[in-house]
Amino acid sequence: MPTQSTVESSRQPVRHLIVILGDQLDRHSPAFHGFDSERDIVWMAEVIEESTKVPVSLPRIAIFLACMRHFRDALRSERIHVDYREISLGESSLADALKSALQCHQPAKVVMVEPGEWSVRESLRAVVARHSVLLDERADDHFLCSHREFADHARGRKQLRMEFFYREMRRKHQILLDRDGKPEGGDWNYDAENRGSFGKAGPSDIPSPARFAPNPLTAQVIAEVQRRFPQHVGKLDRFDWPVTRDQALIALQDFIDHRLSHFGEYQDAMWTREPWLYHSRISAALNLKLLNPLEVIRAAELAYRSGRAPLAATEGFIRQILGWREYVRGVYWHLMPGYLDRNAMRASEPLPGLFWTAETDMQCLADSIGQTLELGYAHHIQRLMVTGLFCLLLGVDPKEVHAWYLSVYVDAVEWVELPNTLGMSQYADGGVMASKPYIASGRYIDKMSNYCCQCRYKPAEATGKAACPFTTLYWDFLIRHELELSSNPRMVMQVRNLARLTEARRAEIISAARELRQSLRVQVNGSNLST
């Protein structure tokens, strides 16, 4: 099987050029419906732009290229004609690469499943239109809620809330319902049971997730990525992600068998140098479509019904996929392209340079960012309540936060990353994704982790030499946004606590926050992408 890219000579005439993007690696994709191996060609392309429009980390580049090349070879093993353009050919963008393919093959029709990114969809549509070729753009049946269904759900609602959407999805797909069609166990949501921390003793005997040593093809990708992108952040010496459908199924079963039962209780917990804990490690496989969400949901539900996992853990895991994952995709397509420009909190600070280096004496950030740069991974609380929280409290421009998250995480594709970052994490959408800003002082991090035990800062202190930057910025955030937050019923207690501060205390906190911002601005060096 070839490992270097070659543009195979096309057989004339070509009926359909089947476009398969890097996050559409599903052999049962609608793009293959009606496929004729004698008259159709599959087209795939690796392009420089996808790694450089934001400075993508080495693990993220490697997982996309490794998964794509394994998928290509699987298709070729079926004697399918694949025109695969490797990154070594130097194509600058997907649009340019598709233009070349259209000129080469001159197909009667282009067939593609709708891209998951708004700008990619628009650019590919434009290329096909300019060449006067028919475009058959098919709905992505990988997802469990169509654009139309989400629009119907949103129509007439003053506010969108995931919980109500999630209940509709449970009913539609008959997930965790009893014989009477009511929620299993009597409640729709068991989130209150899923907020445990490890305490002072810390986690013990957590089964390591399934790991996949790079085969020769993956090893070739790793070497090429290291050579081609030497200035990009990240490391590849521990790269062991699933890169094929078979490996993704093994990773799923490994999670179901060994970690699902404790996932719920500890899904929000954090611990130094413990990146995986009880998390599934399958989000990248899901987003690249090596796994189907419904098969993942059914596997978790089966574990519950067979007595291998408690209801709270199972429901919490299913809610992340059937609830949040489908919901954020709905929000993305419902509100794009204008959604990207929202900035409800008027945040304008630059992203601190420590986000590219992990060089900081704040232990929670050092561990979460260091892990991210090394592995391309952090779990949802590290993203929301450590890195995201710090950016929100500091007042970082949400577009810069979005660009960083899209750059560094192996599971980041824009439809899922943008609403979670700009909306849920940064509250830049003004309340579409979340009913309130997710803000907390350093005490929350102290409660949910051991980070503060090893840190020189004190989470209870807002000013002084030992003041925790999170706590300083938390009170400063409340002061800066007091008027608008006072009208939010979910912020009543926090605003009430703020009212207890004297004017002198407020001034002291504002001054401390100003000094902290100034020191971080001095450290900003976004052009230094090496670790």
Protein backbone atom coordinates (compact mmCIF):
# COMPACT_ATOMS: atom_id res chain seq x y z
CA MET A 1 0.00 0.00 0.00
CA PRO A 2 1.54 3.36 -0.98
CA THR A 3 2.60 5.76 1.72
CA GLN A 4 3.65 8.70 -0.48
CA SER A 5 0.91 10.72 -2.10
CA THR A 6 0.30 10.10 -5.75
CA VAL A 7 -2.44 11.58 -7.86
CA GLU A 8 -3.79 8.53 -9.60
CA SER A 9 -4.69 8.92 -13.24
CA SER A 10 -8.42 9.24 -13.61
CA ARG A 11 -10.50 7.01 -15.75
CA GLN A 12 -12.77 8.82 -18.14
CA PRO A 13 -15.48 9.72 -17.78
CA VAL A 14 -15.71 10.28 -14.02
CA ARG A 15 -19.30 10.23 -12.82
CA HIS A 16 -18.90 11.38 -9.20
CA LEU A 17 -15.98 12.89 -7.32
CA ILE A 18 -16.64 11.85 -3.72
CA VAL A 19 -15.21 14.43 -1.31
CA ILE A 20 -14.13 13.00 2.05
CA LEU A 21 -12.81 15.53 4.56
CA GLY A 22 -10.49 14.80 7.45
CA ASP A 23 -13.31 14.62 10.00
CA GLN A 24 -15.59 12.44 7.83
CA LEU A 25 -13.85 9.07 8.11
CA ASP A 26 -16.97 6.93 8.10
CA ARG A 27 -17.21 4.09 5.57
CA HIS A 28 -20.99 4.20 5.95
CA SER A 29 -21.17 7.93 5.27
CA PRO A 30 -23.98 9.15 3.00
CA ALA A 31 -21.21 10.19 0.60
CA PHE A 32 -20.84 6.49 -0.28
CA HIS A 33 -24.54 5.88 -0.90
CA GLY A 34 -24.88 4.75 -4.50
CA PHE A 35 -21.11 4.56 -4.94
CA ASP A 36 -19.91 2.91 -8.16
CA SER A 37 -16.28 1.83 -7.97
CA GLU A 38 -16.07 1.70 -11.79
CA ARG A 39 -17.18 5.30 -12.36
CA ASP A 40 -16.60 7.20 -9.11
CA ILE A 41 -13.43 8.51 -7.44
CA VAL A 42 -12.88 9.31 -3.78
CA TRP A 43 -10.94 12.54 -3.21
CA MET A 44 -9.10 13.38 0.01
CA ALA A 45 -6.55 16.10 0.69
CA GLU A 46 -4.13 17.18 3.40
CA VAL A 47 -3.46 20.90 3.07
CA ILE A 48 -1.09 23.31 4.78
CA GLU A 49 -3.86 25.76 5.69
CA GLU A 50 -5.57 23.29 8.01
CA SER A 51 -2.42 23.21 10.17
CA THR A 52 -1.44 26.88 9.94
CA LYS A 53 -4.58 29.07 9.85
CA VAL A 54 -4.30 28.59 13.58
CA PRO A 55 -0.93 27.24 14.83
CA VAL A 56 -2.12 23.67 15.28
CA SER A 57 -0.32 21.50 17.84
CA LEU A 58 1.68 18.47 16.74
CA PRO A 59 -0.67 15.89 18.34
CA ARG A 60 -3.69 17.40 16.57
CA ILE A 61 -1.97 17.47 13.18
CA ALA A 62 -0.71 13.91 13.66
CA ILE A 63 -4.04 12.39 14.64
CA PHE A 64 -5.82 13.91 11.64
CA LEU A 65 -3.17 12.80 9.15
CA ALA A 66 -2.78 9.33 10.67
CA CYS A 67 -6.53 8.71 10.69
CA MET A 68 -6.92 10.02 7.15
CA ARG A 69 -4.11 7.87 5.74
CA HIS A 70 -5.38 4.73 7.45
CA PHE A 71 -8.85 5.43 6.08
CA ARG A 72 -7.38 5.96 2.59
CA ASP A 73 -5.59 2.63 2.74
CA ALA A 74 -8.72 0.87 3.98
CA LEU A 75 -10.62 2.21 0.95
CA ARG A 76 -7.85 1.18 -1.43
CA SER A 77 -7.91 -2.32 0.05
CA GLU A 78 -11.46 -2.48 -1.31
CA ARG A 79 -10.08 -1.52 -4.74
CA ILE A 80 -11.65 1.93 -4.49
CA HIS A 81 -9.93 4.60 -6.58
CA VAL A 82 -8.70 7.26 -4.13
CA ASP A 83 -7.09 10.49 -5.29
CA TYR A 84 -5.23 11.32 -2.09
CA ARG A 85 -3.14 14.46 -1.86
CA GLU A 86 -0.57 14.35 0.92
CA ILE A 87 0.63 17.47 2.63
CA SER A 88 4.01 17.10 0.91
CA LEU A 89 2.39 18.24 -2.35
CA GLY A 90 2.13 21.70 -0.82
CA GLU A 91 -1.55 22.44 -1.57
CA SER A 92 -2.31 25.64 0.34
CA SER A 93 -6.04 25.21 1.01
CA LEU A 94 -8.87 22.74 0.55
CA ALA A 95 -10.41 25.07 -2.02
CA ASP A 96 -7.21 25.14 -4.09
CA ALA A 97 -6.78 21.38 -3.83
CA LEU A 98 -10.38 20.76 -4.92
CA LYS A 99 -9.95 23.15 -7.83
CA SER A 100 -6.98 21.08 -9.04
CA ALA A 101 -8.96 17.85 -8.66
CA LEU A 102 -11.88 19.22 -10.66
CA GLN A 103 -9.55 20.28 -13.46
CA CYS A 104 -7.86 16.88 -13.43
CA HIS A 105 -10.90 14.59 -13.25
CA GLN A 106 -13.68 16.75 -14.75
CA PRO A 107 -16.45 14.89 -12.91
CA ALA A 108 -20.09 15.20 -13.84
CA LYS A 109 -20.96 15.73 -10.19
CA VAL A 110 -19.29 16.39 -6.84
CA VAL A 111 -20.74 14.45 -3.92
CA MET A 112 -19.95 15.49 -0.37
CA VAL A 113 -21.43 15.31 3.08
CA GLU A 114 -21.92 18.79 4.49
CA PRO A 115 -18.65 19.95 6.08
CA GLY A 116 -18.59 20.50 9.82
CA GLU A 117 -17.11 23.98 9.56
CA TRP A 118 -19.04 26.91 8.11
CA SER A 119 -16.10 28.52 6.28
CA VAL A 120 -15.02 25.20 4.74
CA ARG A 121 -18.55 24.54 3.51
CA GLU A 122 -18.77 27.96 1.90
CA SER A 123 -15.34 27.75 0.24
CA LEU A 124 -15.96 24.29 -1.24
CA ARG A 125 -19.41 25.27 -2.47
CA ALA A 126 -17.87 28.28 -4.20
CA VAL A 127 -15.19 26.22 -5.95
CA VAL A 128 -17.72 23.74 -7.32
CA ALA A 129 -20.01 26.56 -8.48
CA ARG A 130 -17.16 28.34 -10.31
CA HIS A 131 -16.45 25.17 -12.27
CA SER A 132 -20.11 24.74 -13.22
CA VAL A 133 -20.20 21.24 -11.75
CA LEU A 134 -23.29 19.81 -10.12
CA LEU A 135 -22.99 19.57 -6.32
CA ASP A 136 -24.80 16.86 -4.37
CA GLU A 137 -24.35 17.98 -0.76
CA ARG A 138 -25.80 15.39 1.60
CA ALA A 139 -26.92 15.75 5.22
CA ASP A 140 -24.57 14.28 7.80
CA ASP A 141 -26.41 11.33 9.34
CA HIS A 142 -23.59 10.81 11.83
CA PHE A 143 -25.48 13.23 14.07
CA LEU A 144 -28.74 12.44 15.81
CA CYS A 145 -30.40 15.82 15.31
CA SER A 146 -30.67 17.47 11.90
CA HIS A 147 -30.39 21.20 11.30
CA ARG A 148 -34.12 21.35 10.62
CA GLU A 149 -34.96 19.49 13.83
CA PHE A 150 -32.84 21.86 15.86
CA ALA A 151 -34.42 24.88 14.17
CA ASP A 152 -37.85 23.45 15.03
CA HIS A 153 -36.71 23.03 18.64
CA ALA A 154 -35.39 26.60 18.79
CA ARG A 155 -38.37 28.25 17.09
CA GLY A 156 -40.37 30.45 19.45
CA ARG A 157 -38.08 29.97 22.46
CA LYS A 158 -36.83 33.06 24.26
CA GLN A 159 -33.88 31.04 25.56
CA LEU A 160 -32.24 27.84 24.41
CA ARG A 161 -31.41 25.37 27.16
CA MET A 162 -29.65 22.08 26.67
CA GLU A 163 -31.69 20.28 29.32
CA PHE A 164 -34.97 20.61 27.40
CA PHE A 165 -33.29 19.65 24.13
CA TYR A 166 -31.71 16.64 25.84
CA ARG A 167 -35.07 15.36 27.06
CA GLU A 168 -36.47 15.59 23.54
CA MET A 169 -33.49 13.60 22.24
CA ARG A 170 -33.94 10.94 24.93
CA ARG A 171 -37.56 10.49 23.89
CA LYS A 172 -36.82 10.53 20.18
CA HIS A 173 -34.11 7.86 20.37
CA GLN A 174 -35.65 5.90 23.28
CA ILE A 175 -32.58 6.18 25.48
CA LEU A 176 -32.71 5.36 29.21
CA LEU A 177 -36.50 5.23 29.32
CA ASP A 178 -38.59 2.79 31.31
CA ARG A 179 -41.47 0.76 29.88
CA ASP A 180 -43.85 3.67 30.38
CA GLY A 181 -41.63 6.04 28.41
CA LYS A 182 -40.52 7.90 31.53
CA PRO A 183 -36.87 8.58 32.43
CA GLU A 184 -35.10 5.61 33.94
CA GLY A 185 -34.96 5.99 37.71
CA GLY A 186 -37.52 8.80 37.72
CA ASP A 187 -35.20 11.71 36.90
CA TRP A 188 -33.85 13.05 33.62
CA ASN A 189 -30.59 14.29 35.06
CA TYR A 190 -28.30 12.93 37.77
CA ASP A 191 -25.72 15.70 37.64
CA ALA A 192 -25.99 16.33 41.39
CA GLU A 193 -24.53 12.85 42.00
CA ASN A 194 -21.64 13.44 39.59
CA ARG A 195 -19.58 16.12 41.34
CA GLY A 196 -17.25 14.10 43.53
CA SER A 197 -13.64 14.94 44.27
CA PHE A 198 -10.88 12.55 45.31
CA GLY A 199 -10.19 14.14 48.68
CA LYS A 200 -6.72 14.30 50.21
CA ALA A 201 -5.96 10.65 49.46
CA GLY A 202 -6.26 11.16 45.73
CA PRO A 203 -7.27 8.64 43.07
CA SER A 204 -6.14 5.05 43.33
CA ASP A 205 -6.14 1.99 41.07
CA ILE A 206 -7.51 3.78 38.02
CA PRO A 207 -7.23 1.45 35.03
CA SER A 208 -5.07 2.95 32.30
CA PRO A 209 -6.94 3.51 29.04
CA ALA A 210 -6.24 1.34 26.02
CA ARG A 211 -3.22 2.65 24.15
CA PHE A 212 -2.21 2.03 20.56
CA ALA A 213 1.47 1.95 19.70
CA PRO A 214 2.13 3.66 16.37
CA ASN A 215 2.31 1.21 13.47
CA PRO A 216 4.67 1.97 10.55
CA LEU A 217 2.15 4.26 8.84
CA THR A 218 1.47 6.26 12.00
CA ALA A 219 5.20 6.39 12.77
CA GLN A 220 5.79 7.82 9.30
CA VAL A 221 3.15 10.50 9.96
CA ILE A 222 4.76 11.38 13.30
CA ALA A 223 8.18 11.79 11.72
CA GLU A 224 6.78 13.89 8.89
CA VAL A 225 4.82 16.17 11.23
CA GLN A 226 7.86 16.74 13.44
CA ARG A 227 9.98 17.56 10.42
CA ARG A 228 7.46 19.82 8.69
CA PHE A 229 6.21 21.79 11.72
CA PRO A 230 9.22 22.19 14.03
CA GLN A 231 7.97 25.46 15.56
CA HIS A 232 4.53 24.18 16.54
CA VAL A 233 3.78 23.32 20.15
CA GLY A 234 3.26 19.80 21.36
CA LYS A 235 5.05 16.50 21.67
CA LEU A 236 4.60 13.21 19.87
CA ASP A 237 6.74 10.79 21.88
CA ARG A 238 3.61 9.59 23.75
CA PHE A 239 1.26 9.55 20.77
CA ASP A 240 -0.98 6.50 21.21
CA TRP A 241 -4.44 7.57 20.05
CA PRO A 242 -6.78 5.22 18.18
CA VAL A 243 -6.42 6.01 14.46
CA THR A 244 -8.61 3.33 12.87
CA ARG A 245 -12.18 2.18 13.26
CA ASP A 246 -11.06 -1.10 14.86
CA GLN A 247 -8.88 0.71 17.37
CA ALA A 248 -11.67 3.16 18.19
CA LEU A 249 -14.03 0.26 18.96
CA ILE A 250 -11.40 -1.24 21.28
CA ALA A 251 -11.03 2.13 23.04
CA LEU A 252 -14.79 2.39 23.47
CA GLN A 253 -15.12 -1.11 24.94
CA ASP A 254 -12.15 -0.49 27.22
CA PHE A 255 -13.89 2.56 28.67
CA ILE A 256 -17.21 0.75 29.08
CA ASP A 257 -15.55 -2.21 30.81
CA HIS A 258 -13.09 -0.42 33.06
CA ARG A 259 -13.98 3.24 33.71
CA LEU A 260 -17.63 4.02 32.97
CA SER A 261 -18.78 2.78 36.38
CA HIS A 262 -16.80 5.54 38.15
CA PHE A 263 -16.97 8.15 35.40
CA GLY A 264 -20.01 9.93 36.76
CA GLU A 265 -18.87 10.43 40.34
CA TYR A 266 -15.43 11.74 39.36
CA GLN A 267 -16.03 13.35 35.98
CA ASP A 268 -15.35 16.85 37.41
CA ALA A 269 -12.35 15.89 39.54
CA MET A 270 -8.76 16.84 38.70
CA TRP A 271 -5.41 15.55 39.92
CA THR A 272 -1.83 16.47 39.13
CA ARG A 273 -0.20 14.33 36.43
CA GLU A 274 -3.37 12.24 36.02
CA PRO A 275 -4.69 13.30 32.61
CA TRP A 276 -7.12 10.45 31.92
CA LEU A 277 -8.71 9.50 35.27
CA TYR A 278 -12.07 7.85 34.42
CA HIS A 279 -12.66 9.67 31.13
CA SER A 280 -13.38 7.83 27.90
CA ARG A 281 -10.64 9.18 25.57
CA ILE A 282 -12.91 8.64 22.56
CA SER A 283 -13.94 12.23 21.71
CA ALA A 284 -11.42 12.49 18.85
CA ALA A 285 -12.61 9.17 17.40
CA LEU A 286 -16.19 10.43 17.60
CA ASN A 287 -15.43 13.77 15.99
CA LEU A 288 -13.43 12.21 13.16
CA LYS A 289 -16.33 9.75 12.77
CA LEU A 290 -14.47 6.56 13.47
CA LEU A 291 -17.27 5.93 15.97
CA ASN A 292 -20.99 6.57 15.62
CA PRO A 293 -22.58 8.41 18.57
CA LEU A 294 -25.56 6.09 18.73
CA GLU A 295 -23.37 2.99 19.03
CA VAL A 296 -21.48 4.68 21.87
CA ILE A 297 -24.73 5.59 23.63
CA ARG A 298 -26.15 2.10 23.19
CA ALA A 299 -22.96 0.53 24.57
CA ALA A 300 -23.20 2.66 27.71
CA GLU A 301 -26.91 1.95 28.12
CA LEU A 302 -26.28 -1.79 27.78
CA ALA A 303 -23.66 -1.59 30.52
CA TYR A 304 -26.26 -0.02 32.82
CA ARG A 305 -29.01 -2.50 31.98
CA SER A 306 -26.66 -5.44 32.49
CA GLY A 307 -25.63 -4.16 35.91
CA ARG A 308 -22.08 -3.15 34.98
CA ALA A 309 -22.49 0.60 35.52
CA PRO A 310 -24.70 2.69 37.83
CA LEU A 311 -27.44 4.88 36.40
CA ALA A 312 -25.89 8.21 37.46
CA ALA A 313 -22.62 7.43 35.69
CA THR A 314 -24.35 6.13 32.59
CA GLU A 315 -26.75 9.05 32.36
CA GLY A 316 -23.94 11.55 32.87
CA PHE A 317 -21.89 10.03 30.08
CA ILE A 318 -24.85 9.76 27.68
CA ARG A 319 -25.81 13.37 28.41
CA GLN A 320 -22.40 14.53 27.18
CA ILE A 321 -23.04 12.88 23.80
CA LEU A 322 -26.79 12.92 23.25
CA GLY A 323 -27.19 16.22 25.08
CA TRP A 324 -24.17 18.52 24.87
CA ARG A 325 -22.56 17.20 21.70
CA GLU A 326 -25.75 17.39 19.64
CA TYR A 327 -26.79 20.65 21.27
CA VAL A 328 -23.55 22.53 20.54
CA ARG A 329 -23.69 21.43 16.92
CA GLY A 330 -27.25 22.73 16.71
CA VAL A 331 -26.24 26.07 18.23
CA TYR A 332 -23.25 26.37 15.88
CA TRP A 333 -25.22 25.95 12.66
CA HIS A 334 -28.22 27.86 13.97
CA LEU A 335 -26.17 30.98 14.72
CA MET A 336 -23.22 30.95 12.30
CA PRO A 337 -21.53 32.87 10.80
CA GLY A 338 -22.27 35.79 13.14
CA TYR A 339 -21.77 33.67 16.25
CA LEU A 340 -17.99 33.85 15.85
CA ASP A 341 -18.00 37.63 16.38
CA ARG A 342 -19.97 37.71 19.63
CA ASN A 343 -18.28 39.31 22.63
CA ALA A 344 -20.96 40.02 25.22
CA MET A 345 -18.44 40.63 28.01
CA ARG A 346 -16.44 43.11 25.88
CA ALA A 347 -13.24 41.17 26.57
CA SER A 348 -10.11 42.47 24.85
CA GLU A 349 -7.02 41.24 26.74
CA PRO A 350 -4.43 39.26 24.74
CA LEU A 351 -4.02 35.56 25.45
CA PRO A 352 -1.15 35.21 27.96
CA GLY A 353 2.04 33.71 26.57
CA LEU A 354 1.97 31.00 29.24
CA PHE A 355 -0.77 29.28 27.21
CA TRP A 356 1.90 28.38 24.64
CA THR A 357 4.57 27.36 27.15
CA ALA A 358 2.88 26.24 30.41
CA GLU A 359 5.55 28.27 32.17
CA THR A 360 3.73 29.64 35.23
CA ASP A 361 3.85 29.24 38.99
CA MET A 362 0.06 28.73 39.05
CA GLN A 363 0.04 24.96 39.45
CA CYS A 364 -3.45 24.38 38.08
CA LEU A 365 -2.56 26.17 34.83
CA ALA A 366 0.93 24.66 34.65
CA ASP A 367 -0.50 21.12 34.91
CA SER A 368 -3.56 21.61 32.67
CA ILE A 369 -1.70 23.51 29.93
CA GLY A 370 1.42 21.34 30.17
CA GLN A 371 -0.71 18.23 29.77
CA THR A 372 -2.56 19.84 26.87
CA LEU A 373 0.61 20.76 25.00
CA GLU A 374 2.12 17.32 25.53
CA LEU A 375 -0.90 15.12 24.85
CA GLY A 376 -3.36 17.32 22.97
CA TYR A 377 -5.89 16.55 25.69
CA ALA A 378 -7.54 17.91 28.82
CA HIS A 379 -10.88 16.83 30.19
CA HIS A 380 -13.91 19.13 30.23
CA ILE A 381 -13.42 20.60 33.73
CA GLN A 382 -9.79 21.41 33.07
CA ARG A 383 -10.96 23.23 29.93
CA LEU A 384 -13.99 24.95 31.50
CA MET A 385 -12.87 25.65 35.07
CA VAL A 386 -9.10 26.08 34.75
CA THR A 387 -7.92 27.36 31.37
CA GLY A 388 -11.30 28.72 30.31
CA LEU A 389 -12.08 30.23 33.70
CA PHE A 390 -8.75 32.04 33.80
CA CYS A 391 -9.35 33.56 30.36
CA LEU A 392 -12.89 34.61 31.28
CA LEU A 393 -11.85 36.26 34.54
CA LEU A 394 -8.85 37.91 32.93
CA GLY A 395 -11.00 39.24 30.08
CA VAL A 396 -9.20 37.64 27.11
CA ASP A 397 -10.56 38.36 23.64
CA PRO A 398 -12.84 35.33 22.99
CA LYS A 399 -11.53 34.93 19.44
CA GLU A 400 -8.04 34.40 20.82
CA VAL A 401 -9.35 31.84 23.30
CA HIS A 402 -11.22 30.10 20.48
CA ALA A 403 -8.09 30.00 18.31
CA TRP A 404 -6.05 28.44 21.13
CA TYR A 405 -8.58 25.71 21.87
CA LEU A 406 -8.93 24.93 18.16
CA SER A 407 -5.14 24.75 17.93
CA VAL A 408 -4.24 22.43 20.75
CA TYR A 409 -6.87 19.73 21.29
CA VAL A 410 -6.93 16.54 19.23
CA ASP A 411 -10.74 16.46 19.31
CA ALA A 412 -11.21 20.10 18.28
CA VAL A 413 -13.32 20.74 15.20
CA GLU A 414 -15.01 24.09 14.94
CA TRP A 415 -18.66 23.03 15.23
CA VAL A 416 -18.05 21.58 18.70
CA GLU A 417 -15.16 23.73 19.91
CA LEU A 418 -16.55 27.18 19.10
CA PRO A 419 -19.84 27.04 21.08
CA ASN A 420 -18.16 25.31 24.00
CA THR A 421 -15.37 27.89 24.13
CA LEU A 422 -17.00 31.15 23.08
CA GLY A 423 -20.36 30.33 24.65
CA MET A 424 -20.08 27.93 27.55
CA SER A 425 -16.58 28.88 28.70
CA GLN A 426 -16.29 32.59 27.88
CA TYR A 427 -19.99 33.62 28.03
CA ALA A 428 -19.28 35.72 24.94
CA ASP A 429 -22.65 34.79 23.44
CA GLY A 430 -24.46 36.50 26.33
CA GLY A 431 -26.28 33.43 27.56
CA VAL A 432 -27.11 31.23 24.58
CA MET A 433 -25.05 28.26 25.75
CA ALA A 434 -25.12 28.90 29.49
CA SER A 435 -27.62 30.67 31.73
CA LYS A 436 -24.82 32.43 33.63
CA PRO A 437 -21.07 32.97 33.40
CA TYR A 438 -19.25 29.96 34.85
CA ILE A 439 -17.08 31.87 37.29
CA ALA A 440 -15.48 30.76 40.52
CA SER A 441 -12.58 31.70 42.76
CA GLY A 442 -9.53 29.56 43.42
CA ARG A 443 -11.53 27.78 46.11
CA TYR A 444 -13.40 25.77 43.47
CA ILE A 445 -10.13 24.46 42.04
CA ASP A 446 -8.93 23.68 45.56
CA LYS A 447 -12.11 21.68 46.21
CA MET A 448 -11.92 19.65 42.99
CA SER A 449 -8.19 18.95 42.80
CA ASN A 450 -4.85 18.80 44.59
CA TYR A 451 -3.39 21.65 42.53
CA CYS A 452 -3.50 24.18 45.35
CA CYS A 453 -1.58 21.91 47.73
CA GLN A 454 1.53 22.34 45.59
CA CYS A 455 1.01 26.00 44.74
CA ARG A 456 2.53 29.08 46.37
CA TYR A 457 -0.79 30.93 46.04
CA LYS A 458 -3.58 30.69 48.60
CA PRO A 459 -7.03 30.16 47.06
CA ALA A 460 -8.83 32.04 49.85
CA GLU A 461 -6.78 35.22 49.41
CA ALA A 462 -7.59 37.91 46.82
CA THR A 463 -4.82 40.41 47.59
CA GLY A 464 -1.31 40.29 48.93
CA LYS A 465 1.79 38.34 47.97
CA ALA A 466 0.10 34.96 48.36
CA ALA A 467 -3.15 35.96 46.65
CA CYS A 468 -4.46 33.40 44.17
CA PRO A 469 -4.76 35.06 40.73
CA PHE A 470 -8.05 33.23 40.16
CA THR A 471 -9.49 34.69 43.36
CA THR A 472 -8.22 38.19 42.62
CA LEU A 473 -9.69 38.09 39.13
CA TYR A 474 -12.93 36.51 40.34
CA TRP A 475 -13.75 39.47 42.58
CA ASP A 476 -12.51 41.91 39.95
CA PHE A 477 -14.82 40.26 37.38
CA LEU A 478 -17.80 40.70 39.71
CA ILE A 479 -16.88 44.34 40.29
CA ARG A 480 -16.46 45.09 36.57
CA HIS A 481 -19.72 43.40 35.58
CA GLU A 482 -21.78 44.03 38.72
CA LEU A 483 -24.59 45.91 36.99
CA GLU A 484 -25.28 43.34 34.27
CA LEU A 485 -24.79 40.35 36.59
CA SER A 486 -27.23 41.73 39.17
CA SER A 487 -30.10 41.15 36.74
CA ASN A 488 -29.25 37.45 36.34
CA PRO A 489 -31.22 35.38 38.88
CA ARG A 490 -28.52 32.70 38.94
CA MET A 491 -25.92 35.26 40.04
CA VAL A 492 -27.86 36.61 43.02
CA MET A 493 -25.70 35.01 45.71
CA GLN A 494 -22.39 36.02 44.13
CA VAL A 495 -23.52 39.61 43.61
CA ARG A 496 -24.83 39.69 47.18
CA ASN A 497 -21.43 38.59 48.47
CA LEU A 498 -19.83 41.34 46.41
CA ALA A 499 -22.07 43.91 48.08
CA ARG A 500 -20.44 43.11 51.42
CA LEU A 501 -17.09 44.50 50.28
CA THR A 502 -16.15 47.98 51.39
CA GLU A 503 -15.09 50.58 48.84
CA ALA A 504 -11.53 50.36 50.14
CA ARG A 505 -11.53 46.58 49.68
CA ARG A 506 -12.88 46.94 46.14
CA ALA A 507 -10.17 49.42 45.27
CA GLU A 508 -7.54 47.06 46.64
CA ILE A 509 -8.83 44.18 44.49
CA ILE A 510 -9.08 46.35 41.36
CA SER A 511 -5.49 47.48 41.85
CA ALA A 512 -4.25 43.90 42.33
CA ALA A 513 -6.09 42.75 39.19
CA ARG A 514 -4.65 45.66 37.19
CA GLU A 515 -1.11 44.74 38.22
CA LEU A 516 -1.74 41.10 37.34
CA ARG A 517 -2.98 42.01 33.85
CA GLN A 518 -0.01 44.25 33.25
CA SER A 519 2.43 41.50 34.23
CA LEU A 520 0.71 39.02 31.91
CA ARG A 521 0.73 41.49 28.99
CA VAL A 522 4.50 41.78 29.33
CA GLN A 523 4.78 37.99 29.01
CA VAL A 524 2.63 37.73 25.87
CA ASN A 525 4.61 36.27 23.00
CA GLY A 526 2.17 34.60 20.69
CA SER A 527 4.79 34.15 17.99
CA ASN A 528 6.83 31.79 20.17
CA LEU A 529 5.11 28.48 19.49
CA SER A 530 7.81 26.14 20.72
CA THR A 531 7.75 24.38 24.07
